[in-house]
Amino acid sequence: MTNMAPKELENWLQTEQSQAVGDSDSGESTGHQSGRRIVKIKRTKKADLTDSDYEHMNKVTGYIKRHTAQRPNGDVTETPWRYSLMNWGHDPLHGE
């Protein structure tokens, strides 16, 4: 379900837009934390992935599926909805 390359996601996570969306108790949103972990997982050889990595990616897939179903009407280019999905490694505008 993720469609952003590790470097693309890594660069996105450094932007103000990325850091401005999502719920946070610790100063960093859950989605932003997830994005950092997704980068790490995508750079890991499949044979070296842990059960925890697979559990996280199942969580990511579920989030992306639920969130994409809530797509708002109109242009979503600069919306918190898109930015939140991008923190989870999925740019809904890829391929449009």
PDB file of N, CA and C in Angstrom:
ATOM      1  N   MET A   1       0.814  -1.197   0.000  1.00  0.00           N
ATOM      2  CA  MET A   1       0.000   0.000   0.000  1.00  0.00           C
ATOM      3  C   MET A   1       0.858   1.263   0.000  1.00  0.00           C
ATOM      4  N   THR A   2       2.038   1.206   0.611  1.00  0.00           N
ATOM      5  CA  THR A   2       2.885   2.394   0.561  1.00  0.00           C
ATOM      6  C   THR A   2       3.404   2.555  -0.859  1.00  0.00           C
ATOM      7  N   ASN A   3       3.469   3.791  -1.315  1.00  0.00           N
ATOM      8  CA  ASN A   3       3.918   4.011  -2.684  1.00  0.00           C
ATOM      9  C   ASN A   3       5.015   5.067  -2.782  1.00  0.00           C
ATOM     10  N   MET A   4       5.596   5.413  -1.650  1.00  0.00           N
ATOM     11  CA  MET A   4       6.689   6.382  -1.650  1.00  0.00           C
ATOM     12  C   MET A   4       8.010   5.638  -1.428  1.00  0.00           C
ATOM     13  N   ALA A   5       9.012   6.016  -2.209  1.00  0.00           N
ATOM     14  CA  ALA A   5      10.346   5.433  -2.048  1.00  0.00           C
ATOM     15  C   ALA A   5      10.941   5.903  -0.720  1.00  0.00           C
ATOM     16  N   PRO A   6      11.852   5.119  -0.142  1.00  0.00           N
ATOM     17  CA  PRO A   6      12.430   5.508   1.149  1.00  0.00           C
ATOM     18  C   PRO A   6      12.993   6.939   1.170  1.00  0.00           C
ATOM     19  N   LYS A   7      13.757   7.317   0.155  1.00  0.00           N
ATOM     20  CA  LYS A   7      14.346   8.661   0.138  1.00  0.00           C
ATOM     21  C   LYS A   7      13.271   9.734   0.015  1.00  0.00           C
ATOM     22  N   GLU A   8      12.255   9.459  -0.802  1.00  0.00           N
ATOM     23  CA  GLU A   8      11.141  10.401  -0.967  1.00  0.00           C
ATOM     24  C   GLU A   8      10.420  10.605   0.370  1.00  0.00           C
ATOM     25  N   LEU A   9      10.153   9.514   1.071  1.00  0.00           N
ATOM     26  CA  LEU A   9       9.486   9.595   2.374  1.00  0.00           C
ATOM     27  C   LEU A   9      10.378  10.295   3.390  1.00  0.00           C
ATOM     28  N   GLU A  10      11.635   9.951   3.392  1.00  0.00           N
ATOM     29  CA  GLU A  10      12.587  10.581   4.307  1.00  0.00           C
ATOM     30  C   GLU A  10      12.613  12.102   4.094  1.00  0.00           C
ATOM     31  N   ASN A  11      12.662  12.541   2.845  1.00  0.00           N
ATOM     32  CA  ASN A  11      12.656  13.974   2.541  1.00  0.00           C
ATOM     33  C   ASN A  11      11.347  14.621   2.979  1.00  0.00           C
ATOM     34  N   TRP A  12      10.233  13.941   2.732  1.00  0.00           N
ATOM     35  CA  TRP A  12       8.926  14.466   3.126  1.00  0.00           C
ATOM     36  C   TRP A  12       8.858  14.666   4.639  1.00  0.00           C
ATOM     37  N   LEU A  13       9.350  13.709   5.400  1.00  0.00           N
ATOM     38  CA  LEU A  13       9.267  13.764   6.859  1.00  0.00           C
ATOM     39  C   LEU A  13      10.029  14.952   7.446  1.00  0.00           C
ATOM     40  N   GLN A  14      10.914  15.560   6.665  1.00  0.00           N
ATOM     41  CA  GLN A  14      11.671  16.718   7.141  1.00  0.00           C
ATOM     42  C   GLN A  14      10.946  18.040   6.895  1.00  0.00           C
ATOM     43  N   THR A  15       9.803  18.012   6.214  1.00  0.00           N
ATOM     44  CA  THR A  15       9.096  19.242   5.881  1.00  0.00           C
ATOM     45  C   THR A  15       8.206  19.716   7.031  1.00  0.00           C
ATOM     46  N   GLU A  16       7.909  21.010   7.025  1.00  0.00           N
ATOM     47  CA  GLU A  16       7.001  21.568   8.026  1.00  0.00           C
ATOM     48  C   GLU A  16       5.607  20.965   7.897  1.00  0.00           C
ATOM     49  N   GLN A  17       5.158  20.739   6.662  1.00  0.00           N
ATOM     50  CA  GLN A  17       3.830  20.174   6.444  1.00  0.00           C
ATOM     51  C   GLN A  17       3.710  18.797   7.087  1.00  0.00           C
ATOM     52  N   SER A  18       4.744  17.997   6.951  1.00  0.00           N
ATOM     53  CA  SER A  18       4.736  16.661   7.530  1.00  0.00           C
ATOM     54  C   SER A  18       4.638  16.728   9.049  1.00  0.00           C
ATOM     55  N   GLN A  19       5.386  17.626   9.630  1.00  0.00           N
ATOM     56  CA  GLN A  19       5.449  17.715  11.081  1.00  0.00           C
ATOM     57  C   GLN A  19       4.241  18.410  11.696  1.00  0.00           C
ATOM     58  N   ALA A  20       3.430  19.065  10.855  1.00  0.00           N
ATOM     59  CA  ALA A  20       2.292  19.833  11.355  1.00  0.00           C
ATOM     60  C   ALA A  20       1.000  19.023  11.452  1.00  0.00           C
ATOM     61  N   VAL A  21       0.964  17.801  10.899  1.00  0.00           N
ATOM     62  CA  VAL A  21      -0.280  17.031  10.910  1.00  0.00           C
ATOM     63  C   VAL A  21      -0.187  15.833  11.849  1.00  0.00           C
ATOM     64  N   GLY A  22      -1.353  15.401  12.324  1.00  0.00           N
ATOM     65  CA  GLY A  22      -1.421  14.194  13.138  1.00  0.00           C
ATOM     66  C   GLY A  22      -1.532  14.479  14.613  1.00  0.00           C
ATOM     67  N   ASP A  23      -1.928  13.451  15.352  1.00  0.00           N
ATOM     68  CA  ASP A  23      -2.062  13.534  16.800  1.00  0.00           C
ATOM     69  C   ASP A  23      -0.724  13.249  17.454  1.00  0.00           C
ATOM     70  N   SER A  24      -0.457  14.010  18.521  1.00  0.00           N
ATOM     71  CA  SER A  24       0.836  13.846  19.178  1.00  0.00           C
ATOM     72  C   SER A  24       0.721  14.052  20.674  1.00  0.00           C
ATOM     73  N   ASP A  25       1.290  13.132  21.426  1.00  0.00           N
ATOM     74  CA  ASP A  25       1.412  13.302  22.863  1.00  0.00           C
ATOM     75  C   ASP A  25       2.853  13.652  23.226  1.00  0.00           C
ATOM     76  N   SER A  26       3.774  13.286  22.350  1.00  0.00           N
ATOM     77  CA  SER A  26       5.196  13.427  22.672  1.00  0.00           C
ATOM     78  C   SER A  26       5.909  14.483  21.840  1.00  0.00           C
ATOM     79  N   GLY A  27       5.167  15.248  21.049  1.00  0.00           N
ATOM     80  CA  GLY A  27       5.803  16.231  20.177  1.00  0.00           C
ATOM     81  C   GLY A  27       5.972  15.730  18.751  1.00  0.00           C
ATOM     82  N   GLU A  28       5.881  14.420  18.557  1.00  0.00           N
ATOM     83  CA  GLU A  28       5.956  13.839  17.208  1.00  0.00           C
ATOM     84  C   GLU A  28       4.710  12.991  17.012  1.00  0.00           C
ATOM     85  N   SER A  29       4.011  13.221  15.887  1.00  0.00           N
ATOM     86  CA  SER A  29       2.762  12.496  15.646  1.00  0.00           C
ATOM     87  C   SER A  29       3.022  11.006  15.429  1.00  0.00           C
ATOM     88  N   THR A  30       1.973  10.239  15.640  1.00  0.00           N
ATOM     89  CA  THR A  30       2.036   8.796  15.407  1.00  0.00           C
ATOM     90  C   THR A  30       2.412   8.498  13.968  1.00  0.00           C
ATOM     91  N   GLY A  31       1.812   9.245  13.032  1.00  0.00           N
ATOM     92  CA  GLY A  31       2.113   9.044  11.615  1.00  0.00           C
ATOM     93  C   GLY A  31       3.553   9.361  11.274  1.00  0.00           C
ATOM     94  N   HIS A  32       4.088  10.416  11.889  1.00  0.00           N
ATOM     95  CA  HIS A  32       5.476  10.800  11.635  1.00  0.00           C
ATOM     96  C   HIS A  32       6.418   9.712  12.152  1.00  0.00           C
ATOM     97  N   GLN A  33       6.140   9.210  13.347  1.00  0.00           N
ATOM     98  CA  GLN A  33       6.940   8.100  13.895  1.00  0.00           C
ATOM     99  C   GLN A  33       6.855   6.884  12.983  1.00  0.00           C
ATOM    100  N   SER A  34       5.644   6.612  12.500  1.00  0.00           N
ATOM    101  CA  SER A  34       5.444   5.479  11.601  1.00  0.00           C
ATOM    102  C   SER A  34       6.253   5.657  10.321  1.00  0.00           C
ATOM    103  N   GLY A  35       6.251   6.862   9.785  1.00  0.00           N
ATOM    104  CA  GLY A  35       7.007   7.132   8.560  1.00  0.00           C
ATOM    105  C   GLY A  35       8.485   6.825   8.715  1.00  0.00           C
ATOM    106  N   ARG A  36       9.052   7.221   9.859  1.00  0.00           N
ATOM    107  CA  ARG A  36      10.474   6.925  10.099  1.00  0.00           C
ATOM    108  C   ARG A  36      10.703   5.414  10.142  1.00  0.00           C
ATOM    109  N   ARG A  37       9.771   4.697  10.748  1.00  0.00           N
ATOM    110  CA  ARG A  37       9.913   3.238  10.829  1.00  0.00           C
ATOM    111  C   ARG A  37       9.735   2.603   9.448  1.00  0.00           C
ATOM    112  N   ILE A  38       8.822   3.129   8.642  1.00  0.00           N
ATOM    113  CA  ILE A  38       8.614   2.607   7.287  1.00  0.00           C
ATOM    114  C   ILE A  38       9.890   2.744   6.464  1.00  0.00           C
ATOM    115  N   VAL A  39      10.562   3.883   6.578  1.00  0.00           N
ATOM    116  CA  VAL A  39      11.828   4.077   5.860  1.00  0.00           C
ATOM    117  C   VAL A  39      12.805   2.970   6.250  1.00  0.00           C
ATOM    118  N   LYS A  40      12.924   2.726   7.554  1.00  0.00           N
ATOM    119  CA  LYS A  40      13.840   1.695   8.045  1.00  0.00           C
ATOM    120  C   LYS A  40      13.451   0.312   7.502  1.00  0.00           C
ATOM    121  N   ILE A  41      12.166  -0.004   7.547  1.00  0.00           N
ATOM    122  CA  ILE A  41      11.694  -1.308   7.066  1.00  0.00           C
ATOM    123  C   ILE A  41      11.969  -1.462   5.572  1.00  0.00           C
ATOM    124  N   LYS A  42      11.691  -0.416   4.804  1.00  0.00           N
ATOM    125  CA  LYS A  42      11.900  -0.495   3.348  1.00  0.00           C
ATOM    126  C   LYS A  42      13.375  -0.671   2.996  1.00  0.00           C
ATOM    127  N   ARG A  43      14.252  -0.257   3.864  1.00  0.00           N
ATOM    128  CA  ARG A  43      15.689  -0.399   3.610  1.00  0.00           C
ATOM    129  C   ARG A  43      16.268  -1.682   4.192  1.00  0.00           C
ATOM    130  N   THR A  44      15.423  -2.492   4.786  1.00  0.00           N
ATOM    131  CA  THR A  44      15.855  -3.748   5.399  1.00  0.00           C
ATOM    132  C   THR A  44      15.615  -4.896   4.426  1.00  0.00           C
ATOM    133  N   LYS A  45      16.569  -5.801   4.350  1.00  0.00           N
ATOM    134  CA  LYS A  45      16.386  -6.992   3.511  1.00  0.00           C
ATOM    135  C   LYS A  45      15.215  -7.797   4.053  1.00  0.00           C
ATOM    136  N   LYS A  46      14.434  -8.348   3.149  1.00  0.00           N
ATOM    137  CA  LYS A  46      13.248  -9.094   3.552  1.00  0.00           C
ATOM    138  C   LYS A  46      13.582 -10.192   4.570  1.00  0.00           C
ATOM    139  N   ALA A  47      14.683 -10.870   4.380  1.00  0.00           N
ATOM    140  CA  ALA A  47      15.078 -11.957   5.280  1.00  0.00           C
ATOM    141  C   ALA A  47      15.387 -11.458   6.696  1.00  0.00           C
ATOM    142  N   ASP A  48      15.672 -10.165   6.817  1.00  0.00           N
ATOM    143  CA  ASP A  48      16.028  -9.602   8.120  1.00  0.00           C
ATOM    144  C   ASP A  48      14.859  -8.918   8.827  1.00  0.00           C
ATOM    145  N   LEU A  49      13.677  -8.910   8.216  1.00  0.00           N
ATOM    146  CA  LEU A  49      12.515  -8.286   8.847  1.00  0.00           C
ATOM    147  C   LEU A  49      12.038  -9.117  10.029  1.00  0.00           C
ATOM    148  N   THR A  50      11.582  -8.447  11.064  1.00  0.00           N
ATOM    149  CA  THR A  50      11.108  -9.114  12.276  1.00  0.00           C
ATOM    150  C   THR A  50       9.582  -9.229  12.255  1.00  0.00           C
ATOM    151  N   ASP A  51       9.055 -10.014  13.173  1.00  0.00           N
ATOM    152  CA  ASP A  51       7.602 -10.103  13.323  1.00  0.00           C
ATOM    153  C   ASP A  51       7.028  -8.719  13.632  1.00  0.00           C
ATOM    154  N   SER A  52       7.736  -7.944  14.412  1.00  0.00           N
ATOM    155  CA  SER A  52       7.304  -6.590  14.752  1.00  0.00           C
ATOM    156  C   SER A  52       7.225  -5.707  13.502  1.00  0.00           C
ATOM    157  N   ASP A  53       8.178  -5.873  12.592  1.00  0.00           N
ATOM    158  CA  ASP A  53       8.154  -5.117  11.326  1.00  0.00           C
ATOM    159  C   ASP A  53       6.908  -5.474  10.524  1.00  0.00           C
ATOM    160  N   TYR A  54       6.608  -6.763  10.441  1.00  0.00           N
ATOM    161  CA  TYR A  54       5.418  -7.197   9.699  1.00  0.00           C
ATOM    162  C   TYR A  54       4.137  -6.697  10.368  1.00  0.00           C
ATOM    163  N   GLU A  55       4.104  -6.723  11.694  1.00  0.00           N
ATOM    164  CA  GLU A  55       2.947  -6.193  12.417  1.00  0.00           C
ATOM    165  C   GLU A  55       2.767  -4.708  12.128  1.00  0.00           C
ATOM    166  N   HIS A  56       3.874  -3.980  12.092  1.00  0.00           N
ATOM    167  CA  HIS A  56       3.780  -2.544  11.811  1.00  0.00           C
ATOM    168  C   HIS A  56       3.251  -2.304  10.403  1.00  0.00           C
ATOM    169  N   MET A  57       3.740  -3.051   9.444  1.00  0.00           N
ATOM    170  CA  MET A  57       3.276  -2.844   8.075  1.00  0.00           C
ATOM    171  C   MET A  57       1.802  -3.231   7.919  1.00  0.00           C
ATOM    172  N   ASN A  58       1.322  -4.193   8.685  1.00  0.00           N
ATOM    173  CA  ASN A  58      -0.113  -4.493   8.688  1.00  0.00           C
ATOM    174  C   ASN A  58      -0.901  -3.303   9.238  1.00  0.00           C
ATOM    175  N   LYS A  59      -0.368  -2.686  10.278  1.00  0.00           N
ATOM    176  CA  LYS A  59      -0.988  -1.479  10.843  1.00  0.00           C
ATOM    177  C   LYS A  59      -1.009  -0.360   9.793  1.00  0.00           C
ATOM    178  N   VAL A  60       0.096  -0.189   9.080  1.00  0.00           N
ATOM    179  CA  VAL A  60       0.205   0.837   8.040  1.00  0.00           C
ATOM    180  C   VAL A  60      -0.832   0.590   6.944  1.00  0.00           C
ATOM    181  N   THR A  61      -0.931  -0.649   6.488  1.00  0.00           N
ATOM    182  CA  THR A  61      -1.892  -0.990   5.447  1.00  0.00           C
ATOM    183  C   THR A  61      -3.319  -0.678   5.892  1.00  0.00           C
ATOM    184  N   GLY A  62      -3.640  -1.027   7.120  1.00  0.00           N
ATOM    185  CA  GLY A  62      -4.975  -0.734   7.651  1.00  0.00           C
ATOM    186  C   GLY A  62      -5.250   0.759   7.715  1.00  0.00           C
ATOM    187  N   TYR A  63      -4.275   1.528   8.173  1.00  0.00           N
ATOM    188  CA  TYR A  63      -4.439   2.977   8.253  1.00  0.00           C
ATOM    189  C   TYR A  63      -4.677   3.568   6.865  1.00  0.00           C
ATOM    190  N   ILE A  64      -3.841   3.178   5.911  1.00  0.00           N
ATOM    191  CA  ILE A  64      -3.956   3.719   4.550  1.00  0.00           C
ATOM    192  C   ILE A  64      -5.317   3.362   3.962  1.00  0.00           C
ATOM    193  N   LYS A  65      -5.760   2.141   4.156  1.00  0.00           N
ATOM    194  CA  LYS A  65      -7.049   1.715   3.616  1.00  0.00           C
ATOM    195  C   LYS A  65      -8.189   2.542   4.221  1.00  0.00           C
ATOM    196  N   ARG A  66      -8.187   2.708   5.537  1.00  0.00           N
ATOM    197  CA  ARG A  66      -9.246   3.485   6.198  1.00  0.00           C
ATOM    198  C   ARG A  66      -9.212   4.951   5.782  1.00  0.00           C
ATOM    199  N   HIS A  67      -8.024   5.517   5.751  1.00  0.00           N
ATOM    200  CA  HIS A  67      -7.881   6.952   5.484  1.00  0.00           C
ATOM    201  C   HIS A  67      -8.193   7.295   4.028  1.00  0.00           C
ATOM    202  N   THR A  68      -7.793   6.444   3.092  1.00  0.00           N
ATOM    203  CA  THR A  68      -8.093   6.738   1.685  1.00  0.00           C
ATOM    204  C   THR A  68      -9.603   6.670   1.434  1.00  0.00           C
ATOM    205  N   ALA A  69     -10.322   5.875   2.200  1.00  0.00           N
ATOM    206  CA  ALA A  69     -11.775   5.791   2.050  1.00  0.00           C
ATOM    207  C   ALA A  69     -12.466   7.090   2.479  1.00  0.00           C
ATOM    208  N   GLN A  70     -11.753   7.934   3.211  1.00  0.00           N
ATOM    209  CA  GLN A  70     -12.305   9.196   3.705  1.00  0.00           C
ATOM    210  C   GLN A  70     -11.854  10.391   2.851  1.00  0.00           C
ATOM    211  N   ARG A  71     -11.487  10.128   1.614  1.00  0.00           N
ATOM    212  CA  ARG A  71     -10.986  11.200   0.735  1.00  0.00           C
ATOM    213  C   ARG A  71     -11.993  12.341   0.651  1.00  0.00           C
ATOM    214  N   PRO A  72     -11.539  13.564   0.920  1.00  0.00           N
ATOM    215  CA  PRO A  72     -12.441  14.715   0.810  1.00  0.00           C
ATOM    216  C   PRO A  72     -12.687  15.079  -0.654  1.00  0.00           C
ATOM    217  N   ASN A  73     -13.743  15.818  -0.887  1.00  0.00           N
ATOM    218  CA  ASN A  73     -14.053  16.296  -2.233  1.00  0.00           C
ATOM    219  C   ASN A  73     -13.084  17.397  -2.626  1.00  0.00           C
ATOM    220  N   GLY A  74     -12.917  17.567  -3.916  1.00  0.00           N
ATOM    221  CA  GLY A  74     -12.105  18.668  -4.427  1.00  0.00           C
ATOM    222  C   GLY A  74     -10.629  18.332  -4.515  1.00  0.00           C
ATOM    223  N   ASP A  75      -9.857  19.377  -4.683  1.00  0.00           N
ATOM    224  CA  ASP A  75      -8.396  19.254  -4.824  1.00  0.00           C
ATOM    225  C   ASP A  75      -7.786  18.930  -3.467  1.00  0.00           C
ATOM    226  N   VAL A  76      -7.071  17.825  -3.385  1.00  0.00           N
ATOM    227  CA  VAL A  76      -6.485  17.391  -2.114  1.00  0.00           C
ATOM    228  C   VAL A  76      -4.978  17.650  -2.047  1.00  0.00           C
ATOM    229  N   THR A  77      -4.455  18.384  -3.036  1.00  0.00           N
ATOM    230  CA  THR A  77      -3.009  18.569  -3.147  1.00  0.00           C
ATOM    231  C   THR A  77      -2.368  19.084  -1.861  1.00  0.00           C
ATOM    232  N   GLU A  78      -2.926  20.118  -1.271  1.00  0.00           N
ATOM    233  CA  GLU A  78      -2.322  20.719  -0.072  1.00  0.00           C
ATOM    234  C   GLU A  78      -3.263  20.614   1.119  1.00  0.00           C
ATOM    235  N   THR A  79      -3.622  19.383   1.452  1.00  0.00           N
ATOM    236  CA  THR A  79      -4.567  19.171   2.554  1.00  0.00           C
ATOM    237  C   THR A  79      -3.949  18.325   3.661  1.00  0.00           C
ATOM    238  N   PRO A  80      -4.401  18.536   4.884  1.00  0.00           N
ATOM    239  CA  PRO A  80      -3.934  17.677   5.979  1.00  0.00           C
ATOM    240  C   PRO A  80      -4.219  16.199   5.713  1.00  0.00           C
ATOM    241  N   TRP A  81      -5.322  15.905   4.997  1.00  0.00           N
ATOM    242  CA  TRP A  81      -5.656  14.521   4.668  1.00  0.00           C
ATOM    243  C   TRP A  81      -4.521  13.875   3.880  1.00  0.00           C
ATOM    244  N   ARG A  82      -4.058  14.556   2.837  1.00  0.00           N
ATOM    245  CA  ARG A  82      -2.961  14.014   2.013  1.00  0.00           C
ATOM    246  C   ARG A  82      -1.668  13.956   2.820  1.00  0.00           C
ATOM    247  N   TYR A  83      -1.376  15.014   3.549  1.00  0.00           N
ATOM    248  CA  TYR A  83      -0.129  15.060   4.312  1.00  0.00           C
ATOM    249  C   TYR A  83      -0.063  13.933   5.343  1.00  0.00           C
ATOM    250  N   SER A  84      -1.201  13.648   5.973  1.00  0.00           N
ATOM    251  CA  SER A  84      -1.231  12.556   6.943  1.00  0.00           C
ATOM    252  C   SER A  84      -0.934  11.216   6.277  1.00  0.00           C
ATOM    253  N   LEU A  85      -1.550  10.970   5.119  1.00  0.00           N
ATOM    254  CA  LEU A  85      -1.262   9.735   4.384  1.00  0.00           C
ATOM    255  C   LEU A  85       0.202   9.657   3.979  1.00  0.00           C
ATOM    256  N   MET A  86       0.761  10.780   3.575  1.00  0.00           N
ATOM    257  CA  MET A  86       2.167  10.779   3.164  1.00  0.00           C
ATOM    258  C   MET A  86       3.076  10.437   4.337  1.00  0.00           C
ATOM    259  N   ASN A  87       2.719  10.855   5.550  1.00  0.00           N
ATOM    260  CA  ASN A  87       3.511  10.474   6.723  1.00  0.00           C
ATOM    261  C   ASN A  87       3.538   8.960   6.892  1.00  0.00           C
ATOM    262  N   TRP A  88       2.497   8.293   6.422  1.00  0.00           N
ATOM    263  CA  TRP A  88       2.403   6.833   6.512  1.00  0.00           C
ATOM    264  C   TRP A  88       2.928   6.163   5.245  1.00  0.00           C
ATOM    265  N   GLY A  89       3.614   6.936   4.382  1.00  0.00           N
ATOM    266  CA  GLY A  89       4.284   6.361   3.212  1.00  0.00           C
ATOM    267  C   GLY A  89       3.440   6.239   1.962  1.00  0.00           C
ATOM    268  N   HIS A  90       2.256   6.875   1.962  1.00  0.00           N
ATOM    269  CA  HIS A  90       1.363   6.755   0.806  1.00  0.00           C
ATOM    270  C   HIS A  90       0.954   8.136   0.306  1.00  0.00           C
ATOM    271  N   ASP A  91       1.342   8.460  -0.924  1.00  0.00           N
ATOM    272  CA  ASP A  91       0.914   9.717  -1.550  1.00  0.00           C
ATOM    273  C   ASP A  91      -0.261   9.402  -2.466  1.00  0.00           C
ATOM    274  N   PRO A  92      -1.469   9.852  -2.101  1.00  0.00           N
ATOM    275  CA  PRO A  92      -2.645   9.523  -2.922  1.00  0.00           C
ATOM    276  C   PRO A  92      -2.618  10.157  -4.310  1.00  0.00           C
ATOM    277  N   LEU A  93      -1.707  11.086  -4.556  1.00  0.00           N
ATOM    278  CA  LEU A  93      -1.627  11.708  -5.862  1.00  0.00           C
ATOM    279  C   LEU A  93      -0.656  10.992  -6.794  1.00  0.00           C
ATOM    280  N   HIS A  94       0.099  10.023  -6.293  1.00  0.00           N
ATOM    281  CA  HIS A  94       0.966   9.229  -7.187  1.00  0.00           C
ATOM    282  C   HIS A  94       0.071   8.485  -8.168  1.00  0.00           C
ATOM    283  N   GLY A  95       0.376   8.614  -9.419  1.00  0.00           N
ATOM    284  CA  GLY A  95      -0.382   7.905 -10.428  1.00  0.00           C
ATOM    285  C   GLY A  95      -1.615   8.623 -10.921  1.00  0.00           C
ATOM    286  N   GLU A  96      -1.868   9.812 -10.395  1.00  0.00           N
ATOM    287  CA  GLU A  96      -3.042  10.582 -10.884  1.00  0.00           C
ATOM    288  C   GLU A  96      -2.643  11.466 -12.021  1.00  0.00           C
TER     289      GLU A  96
END
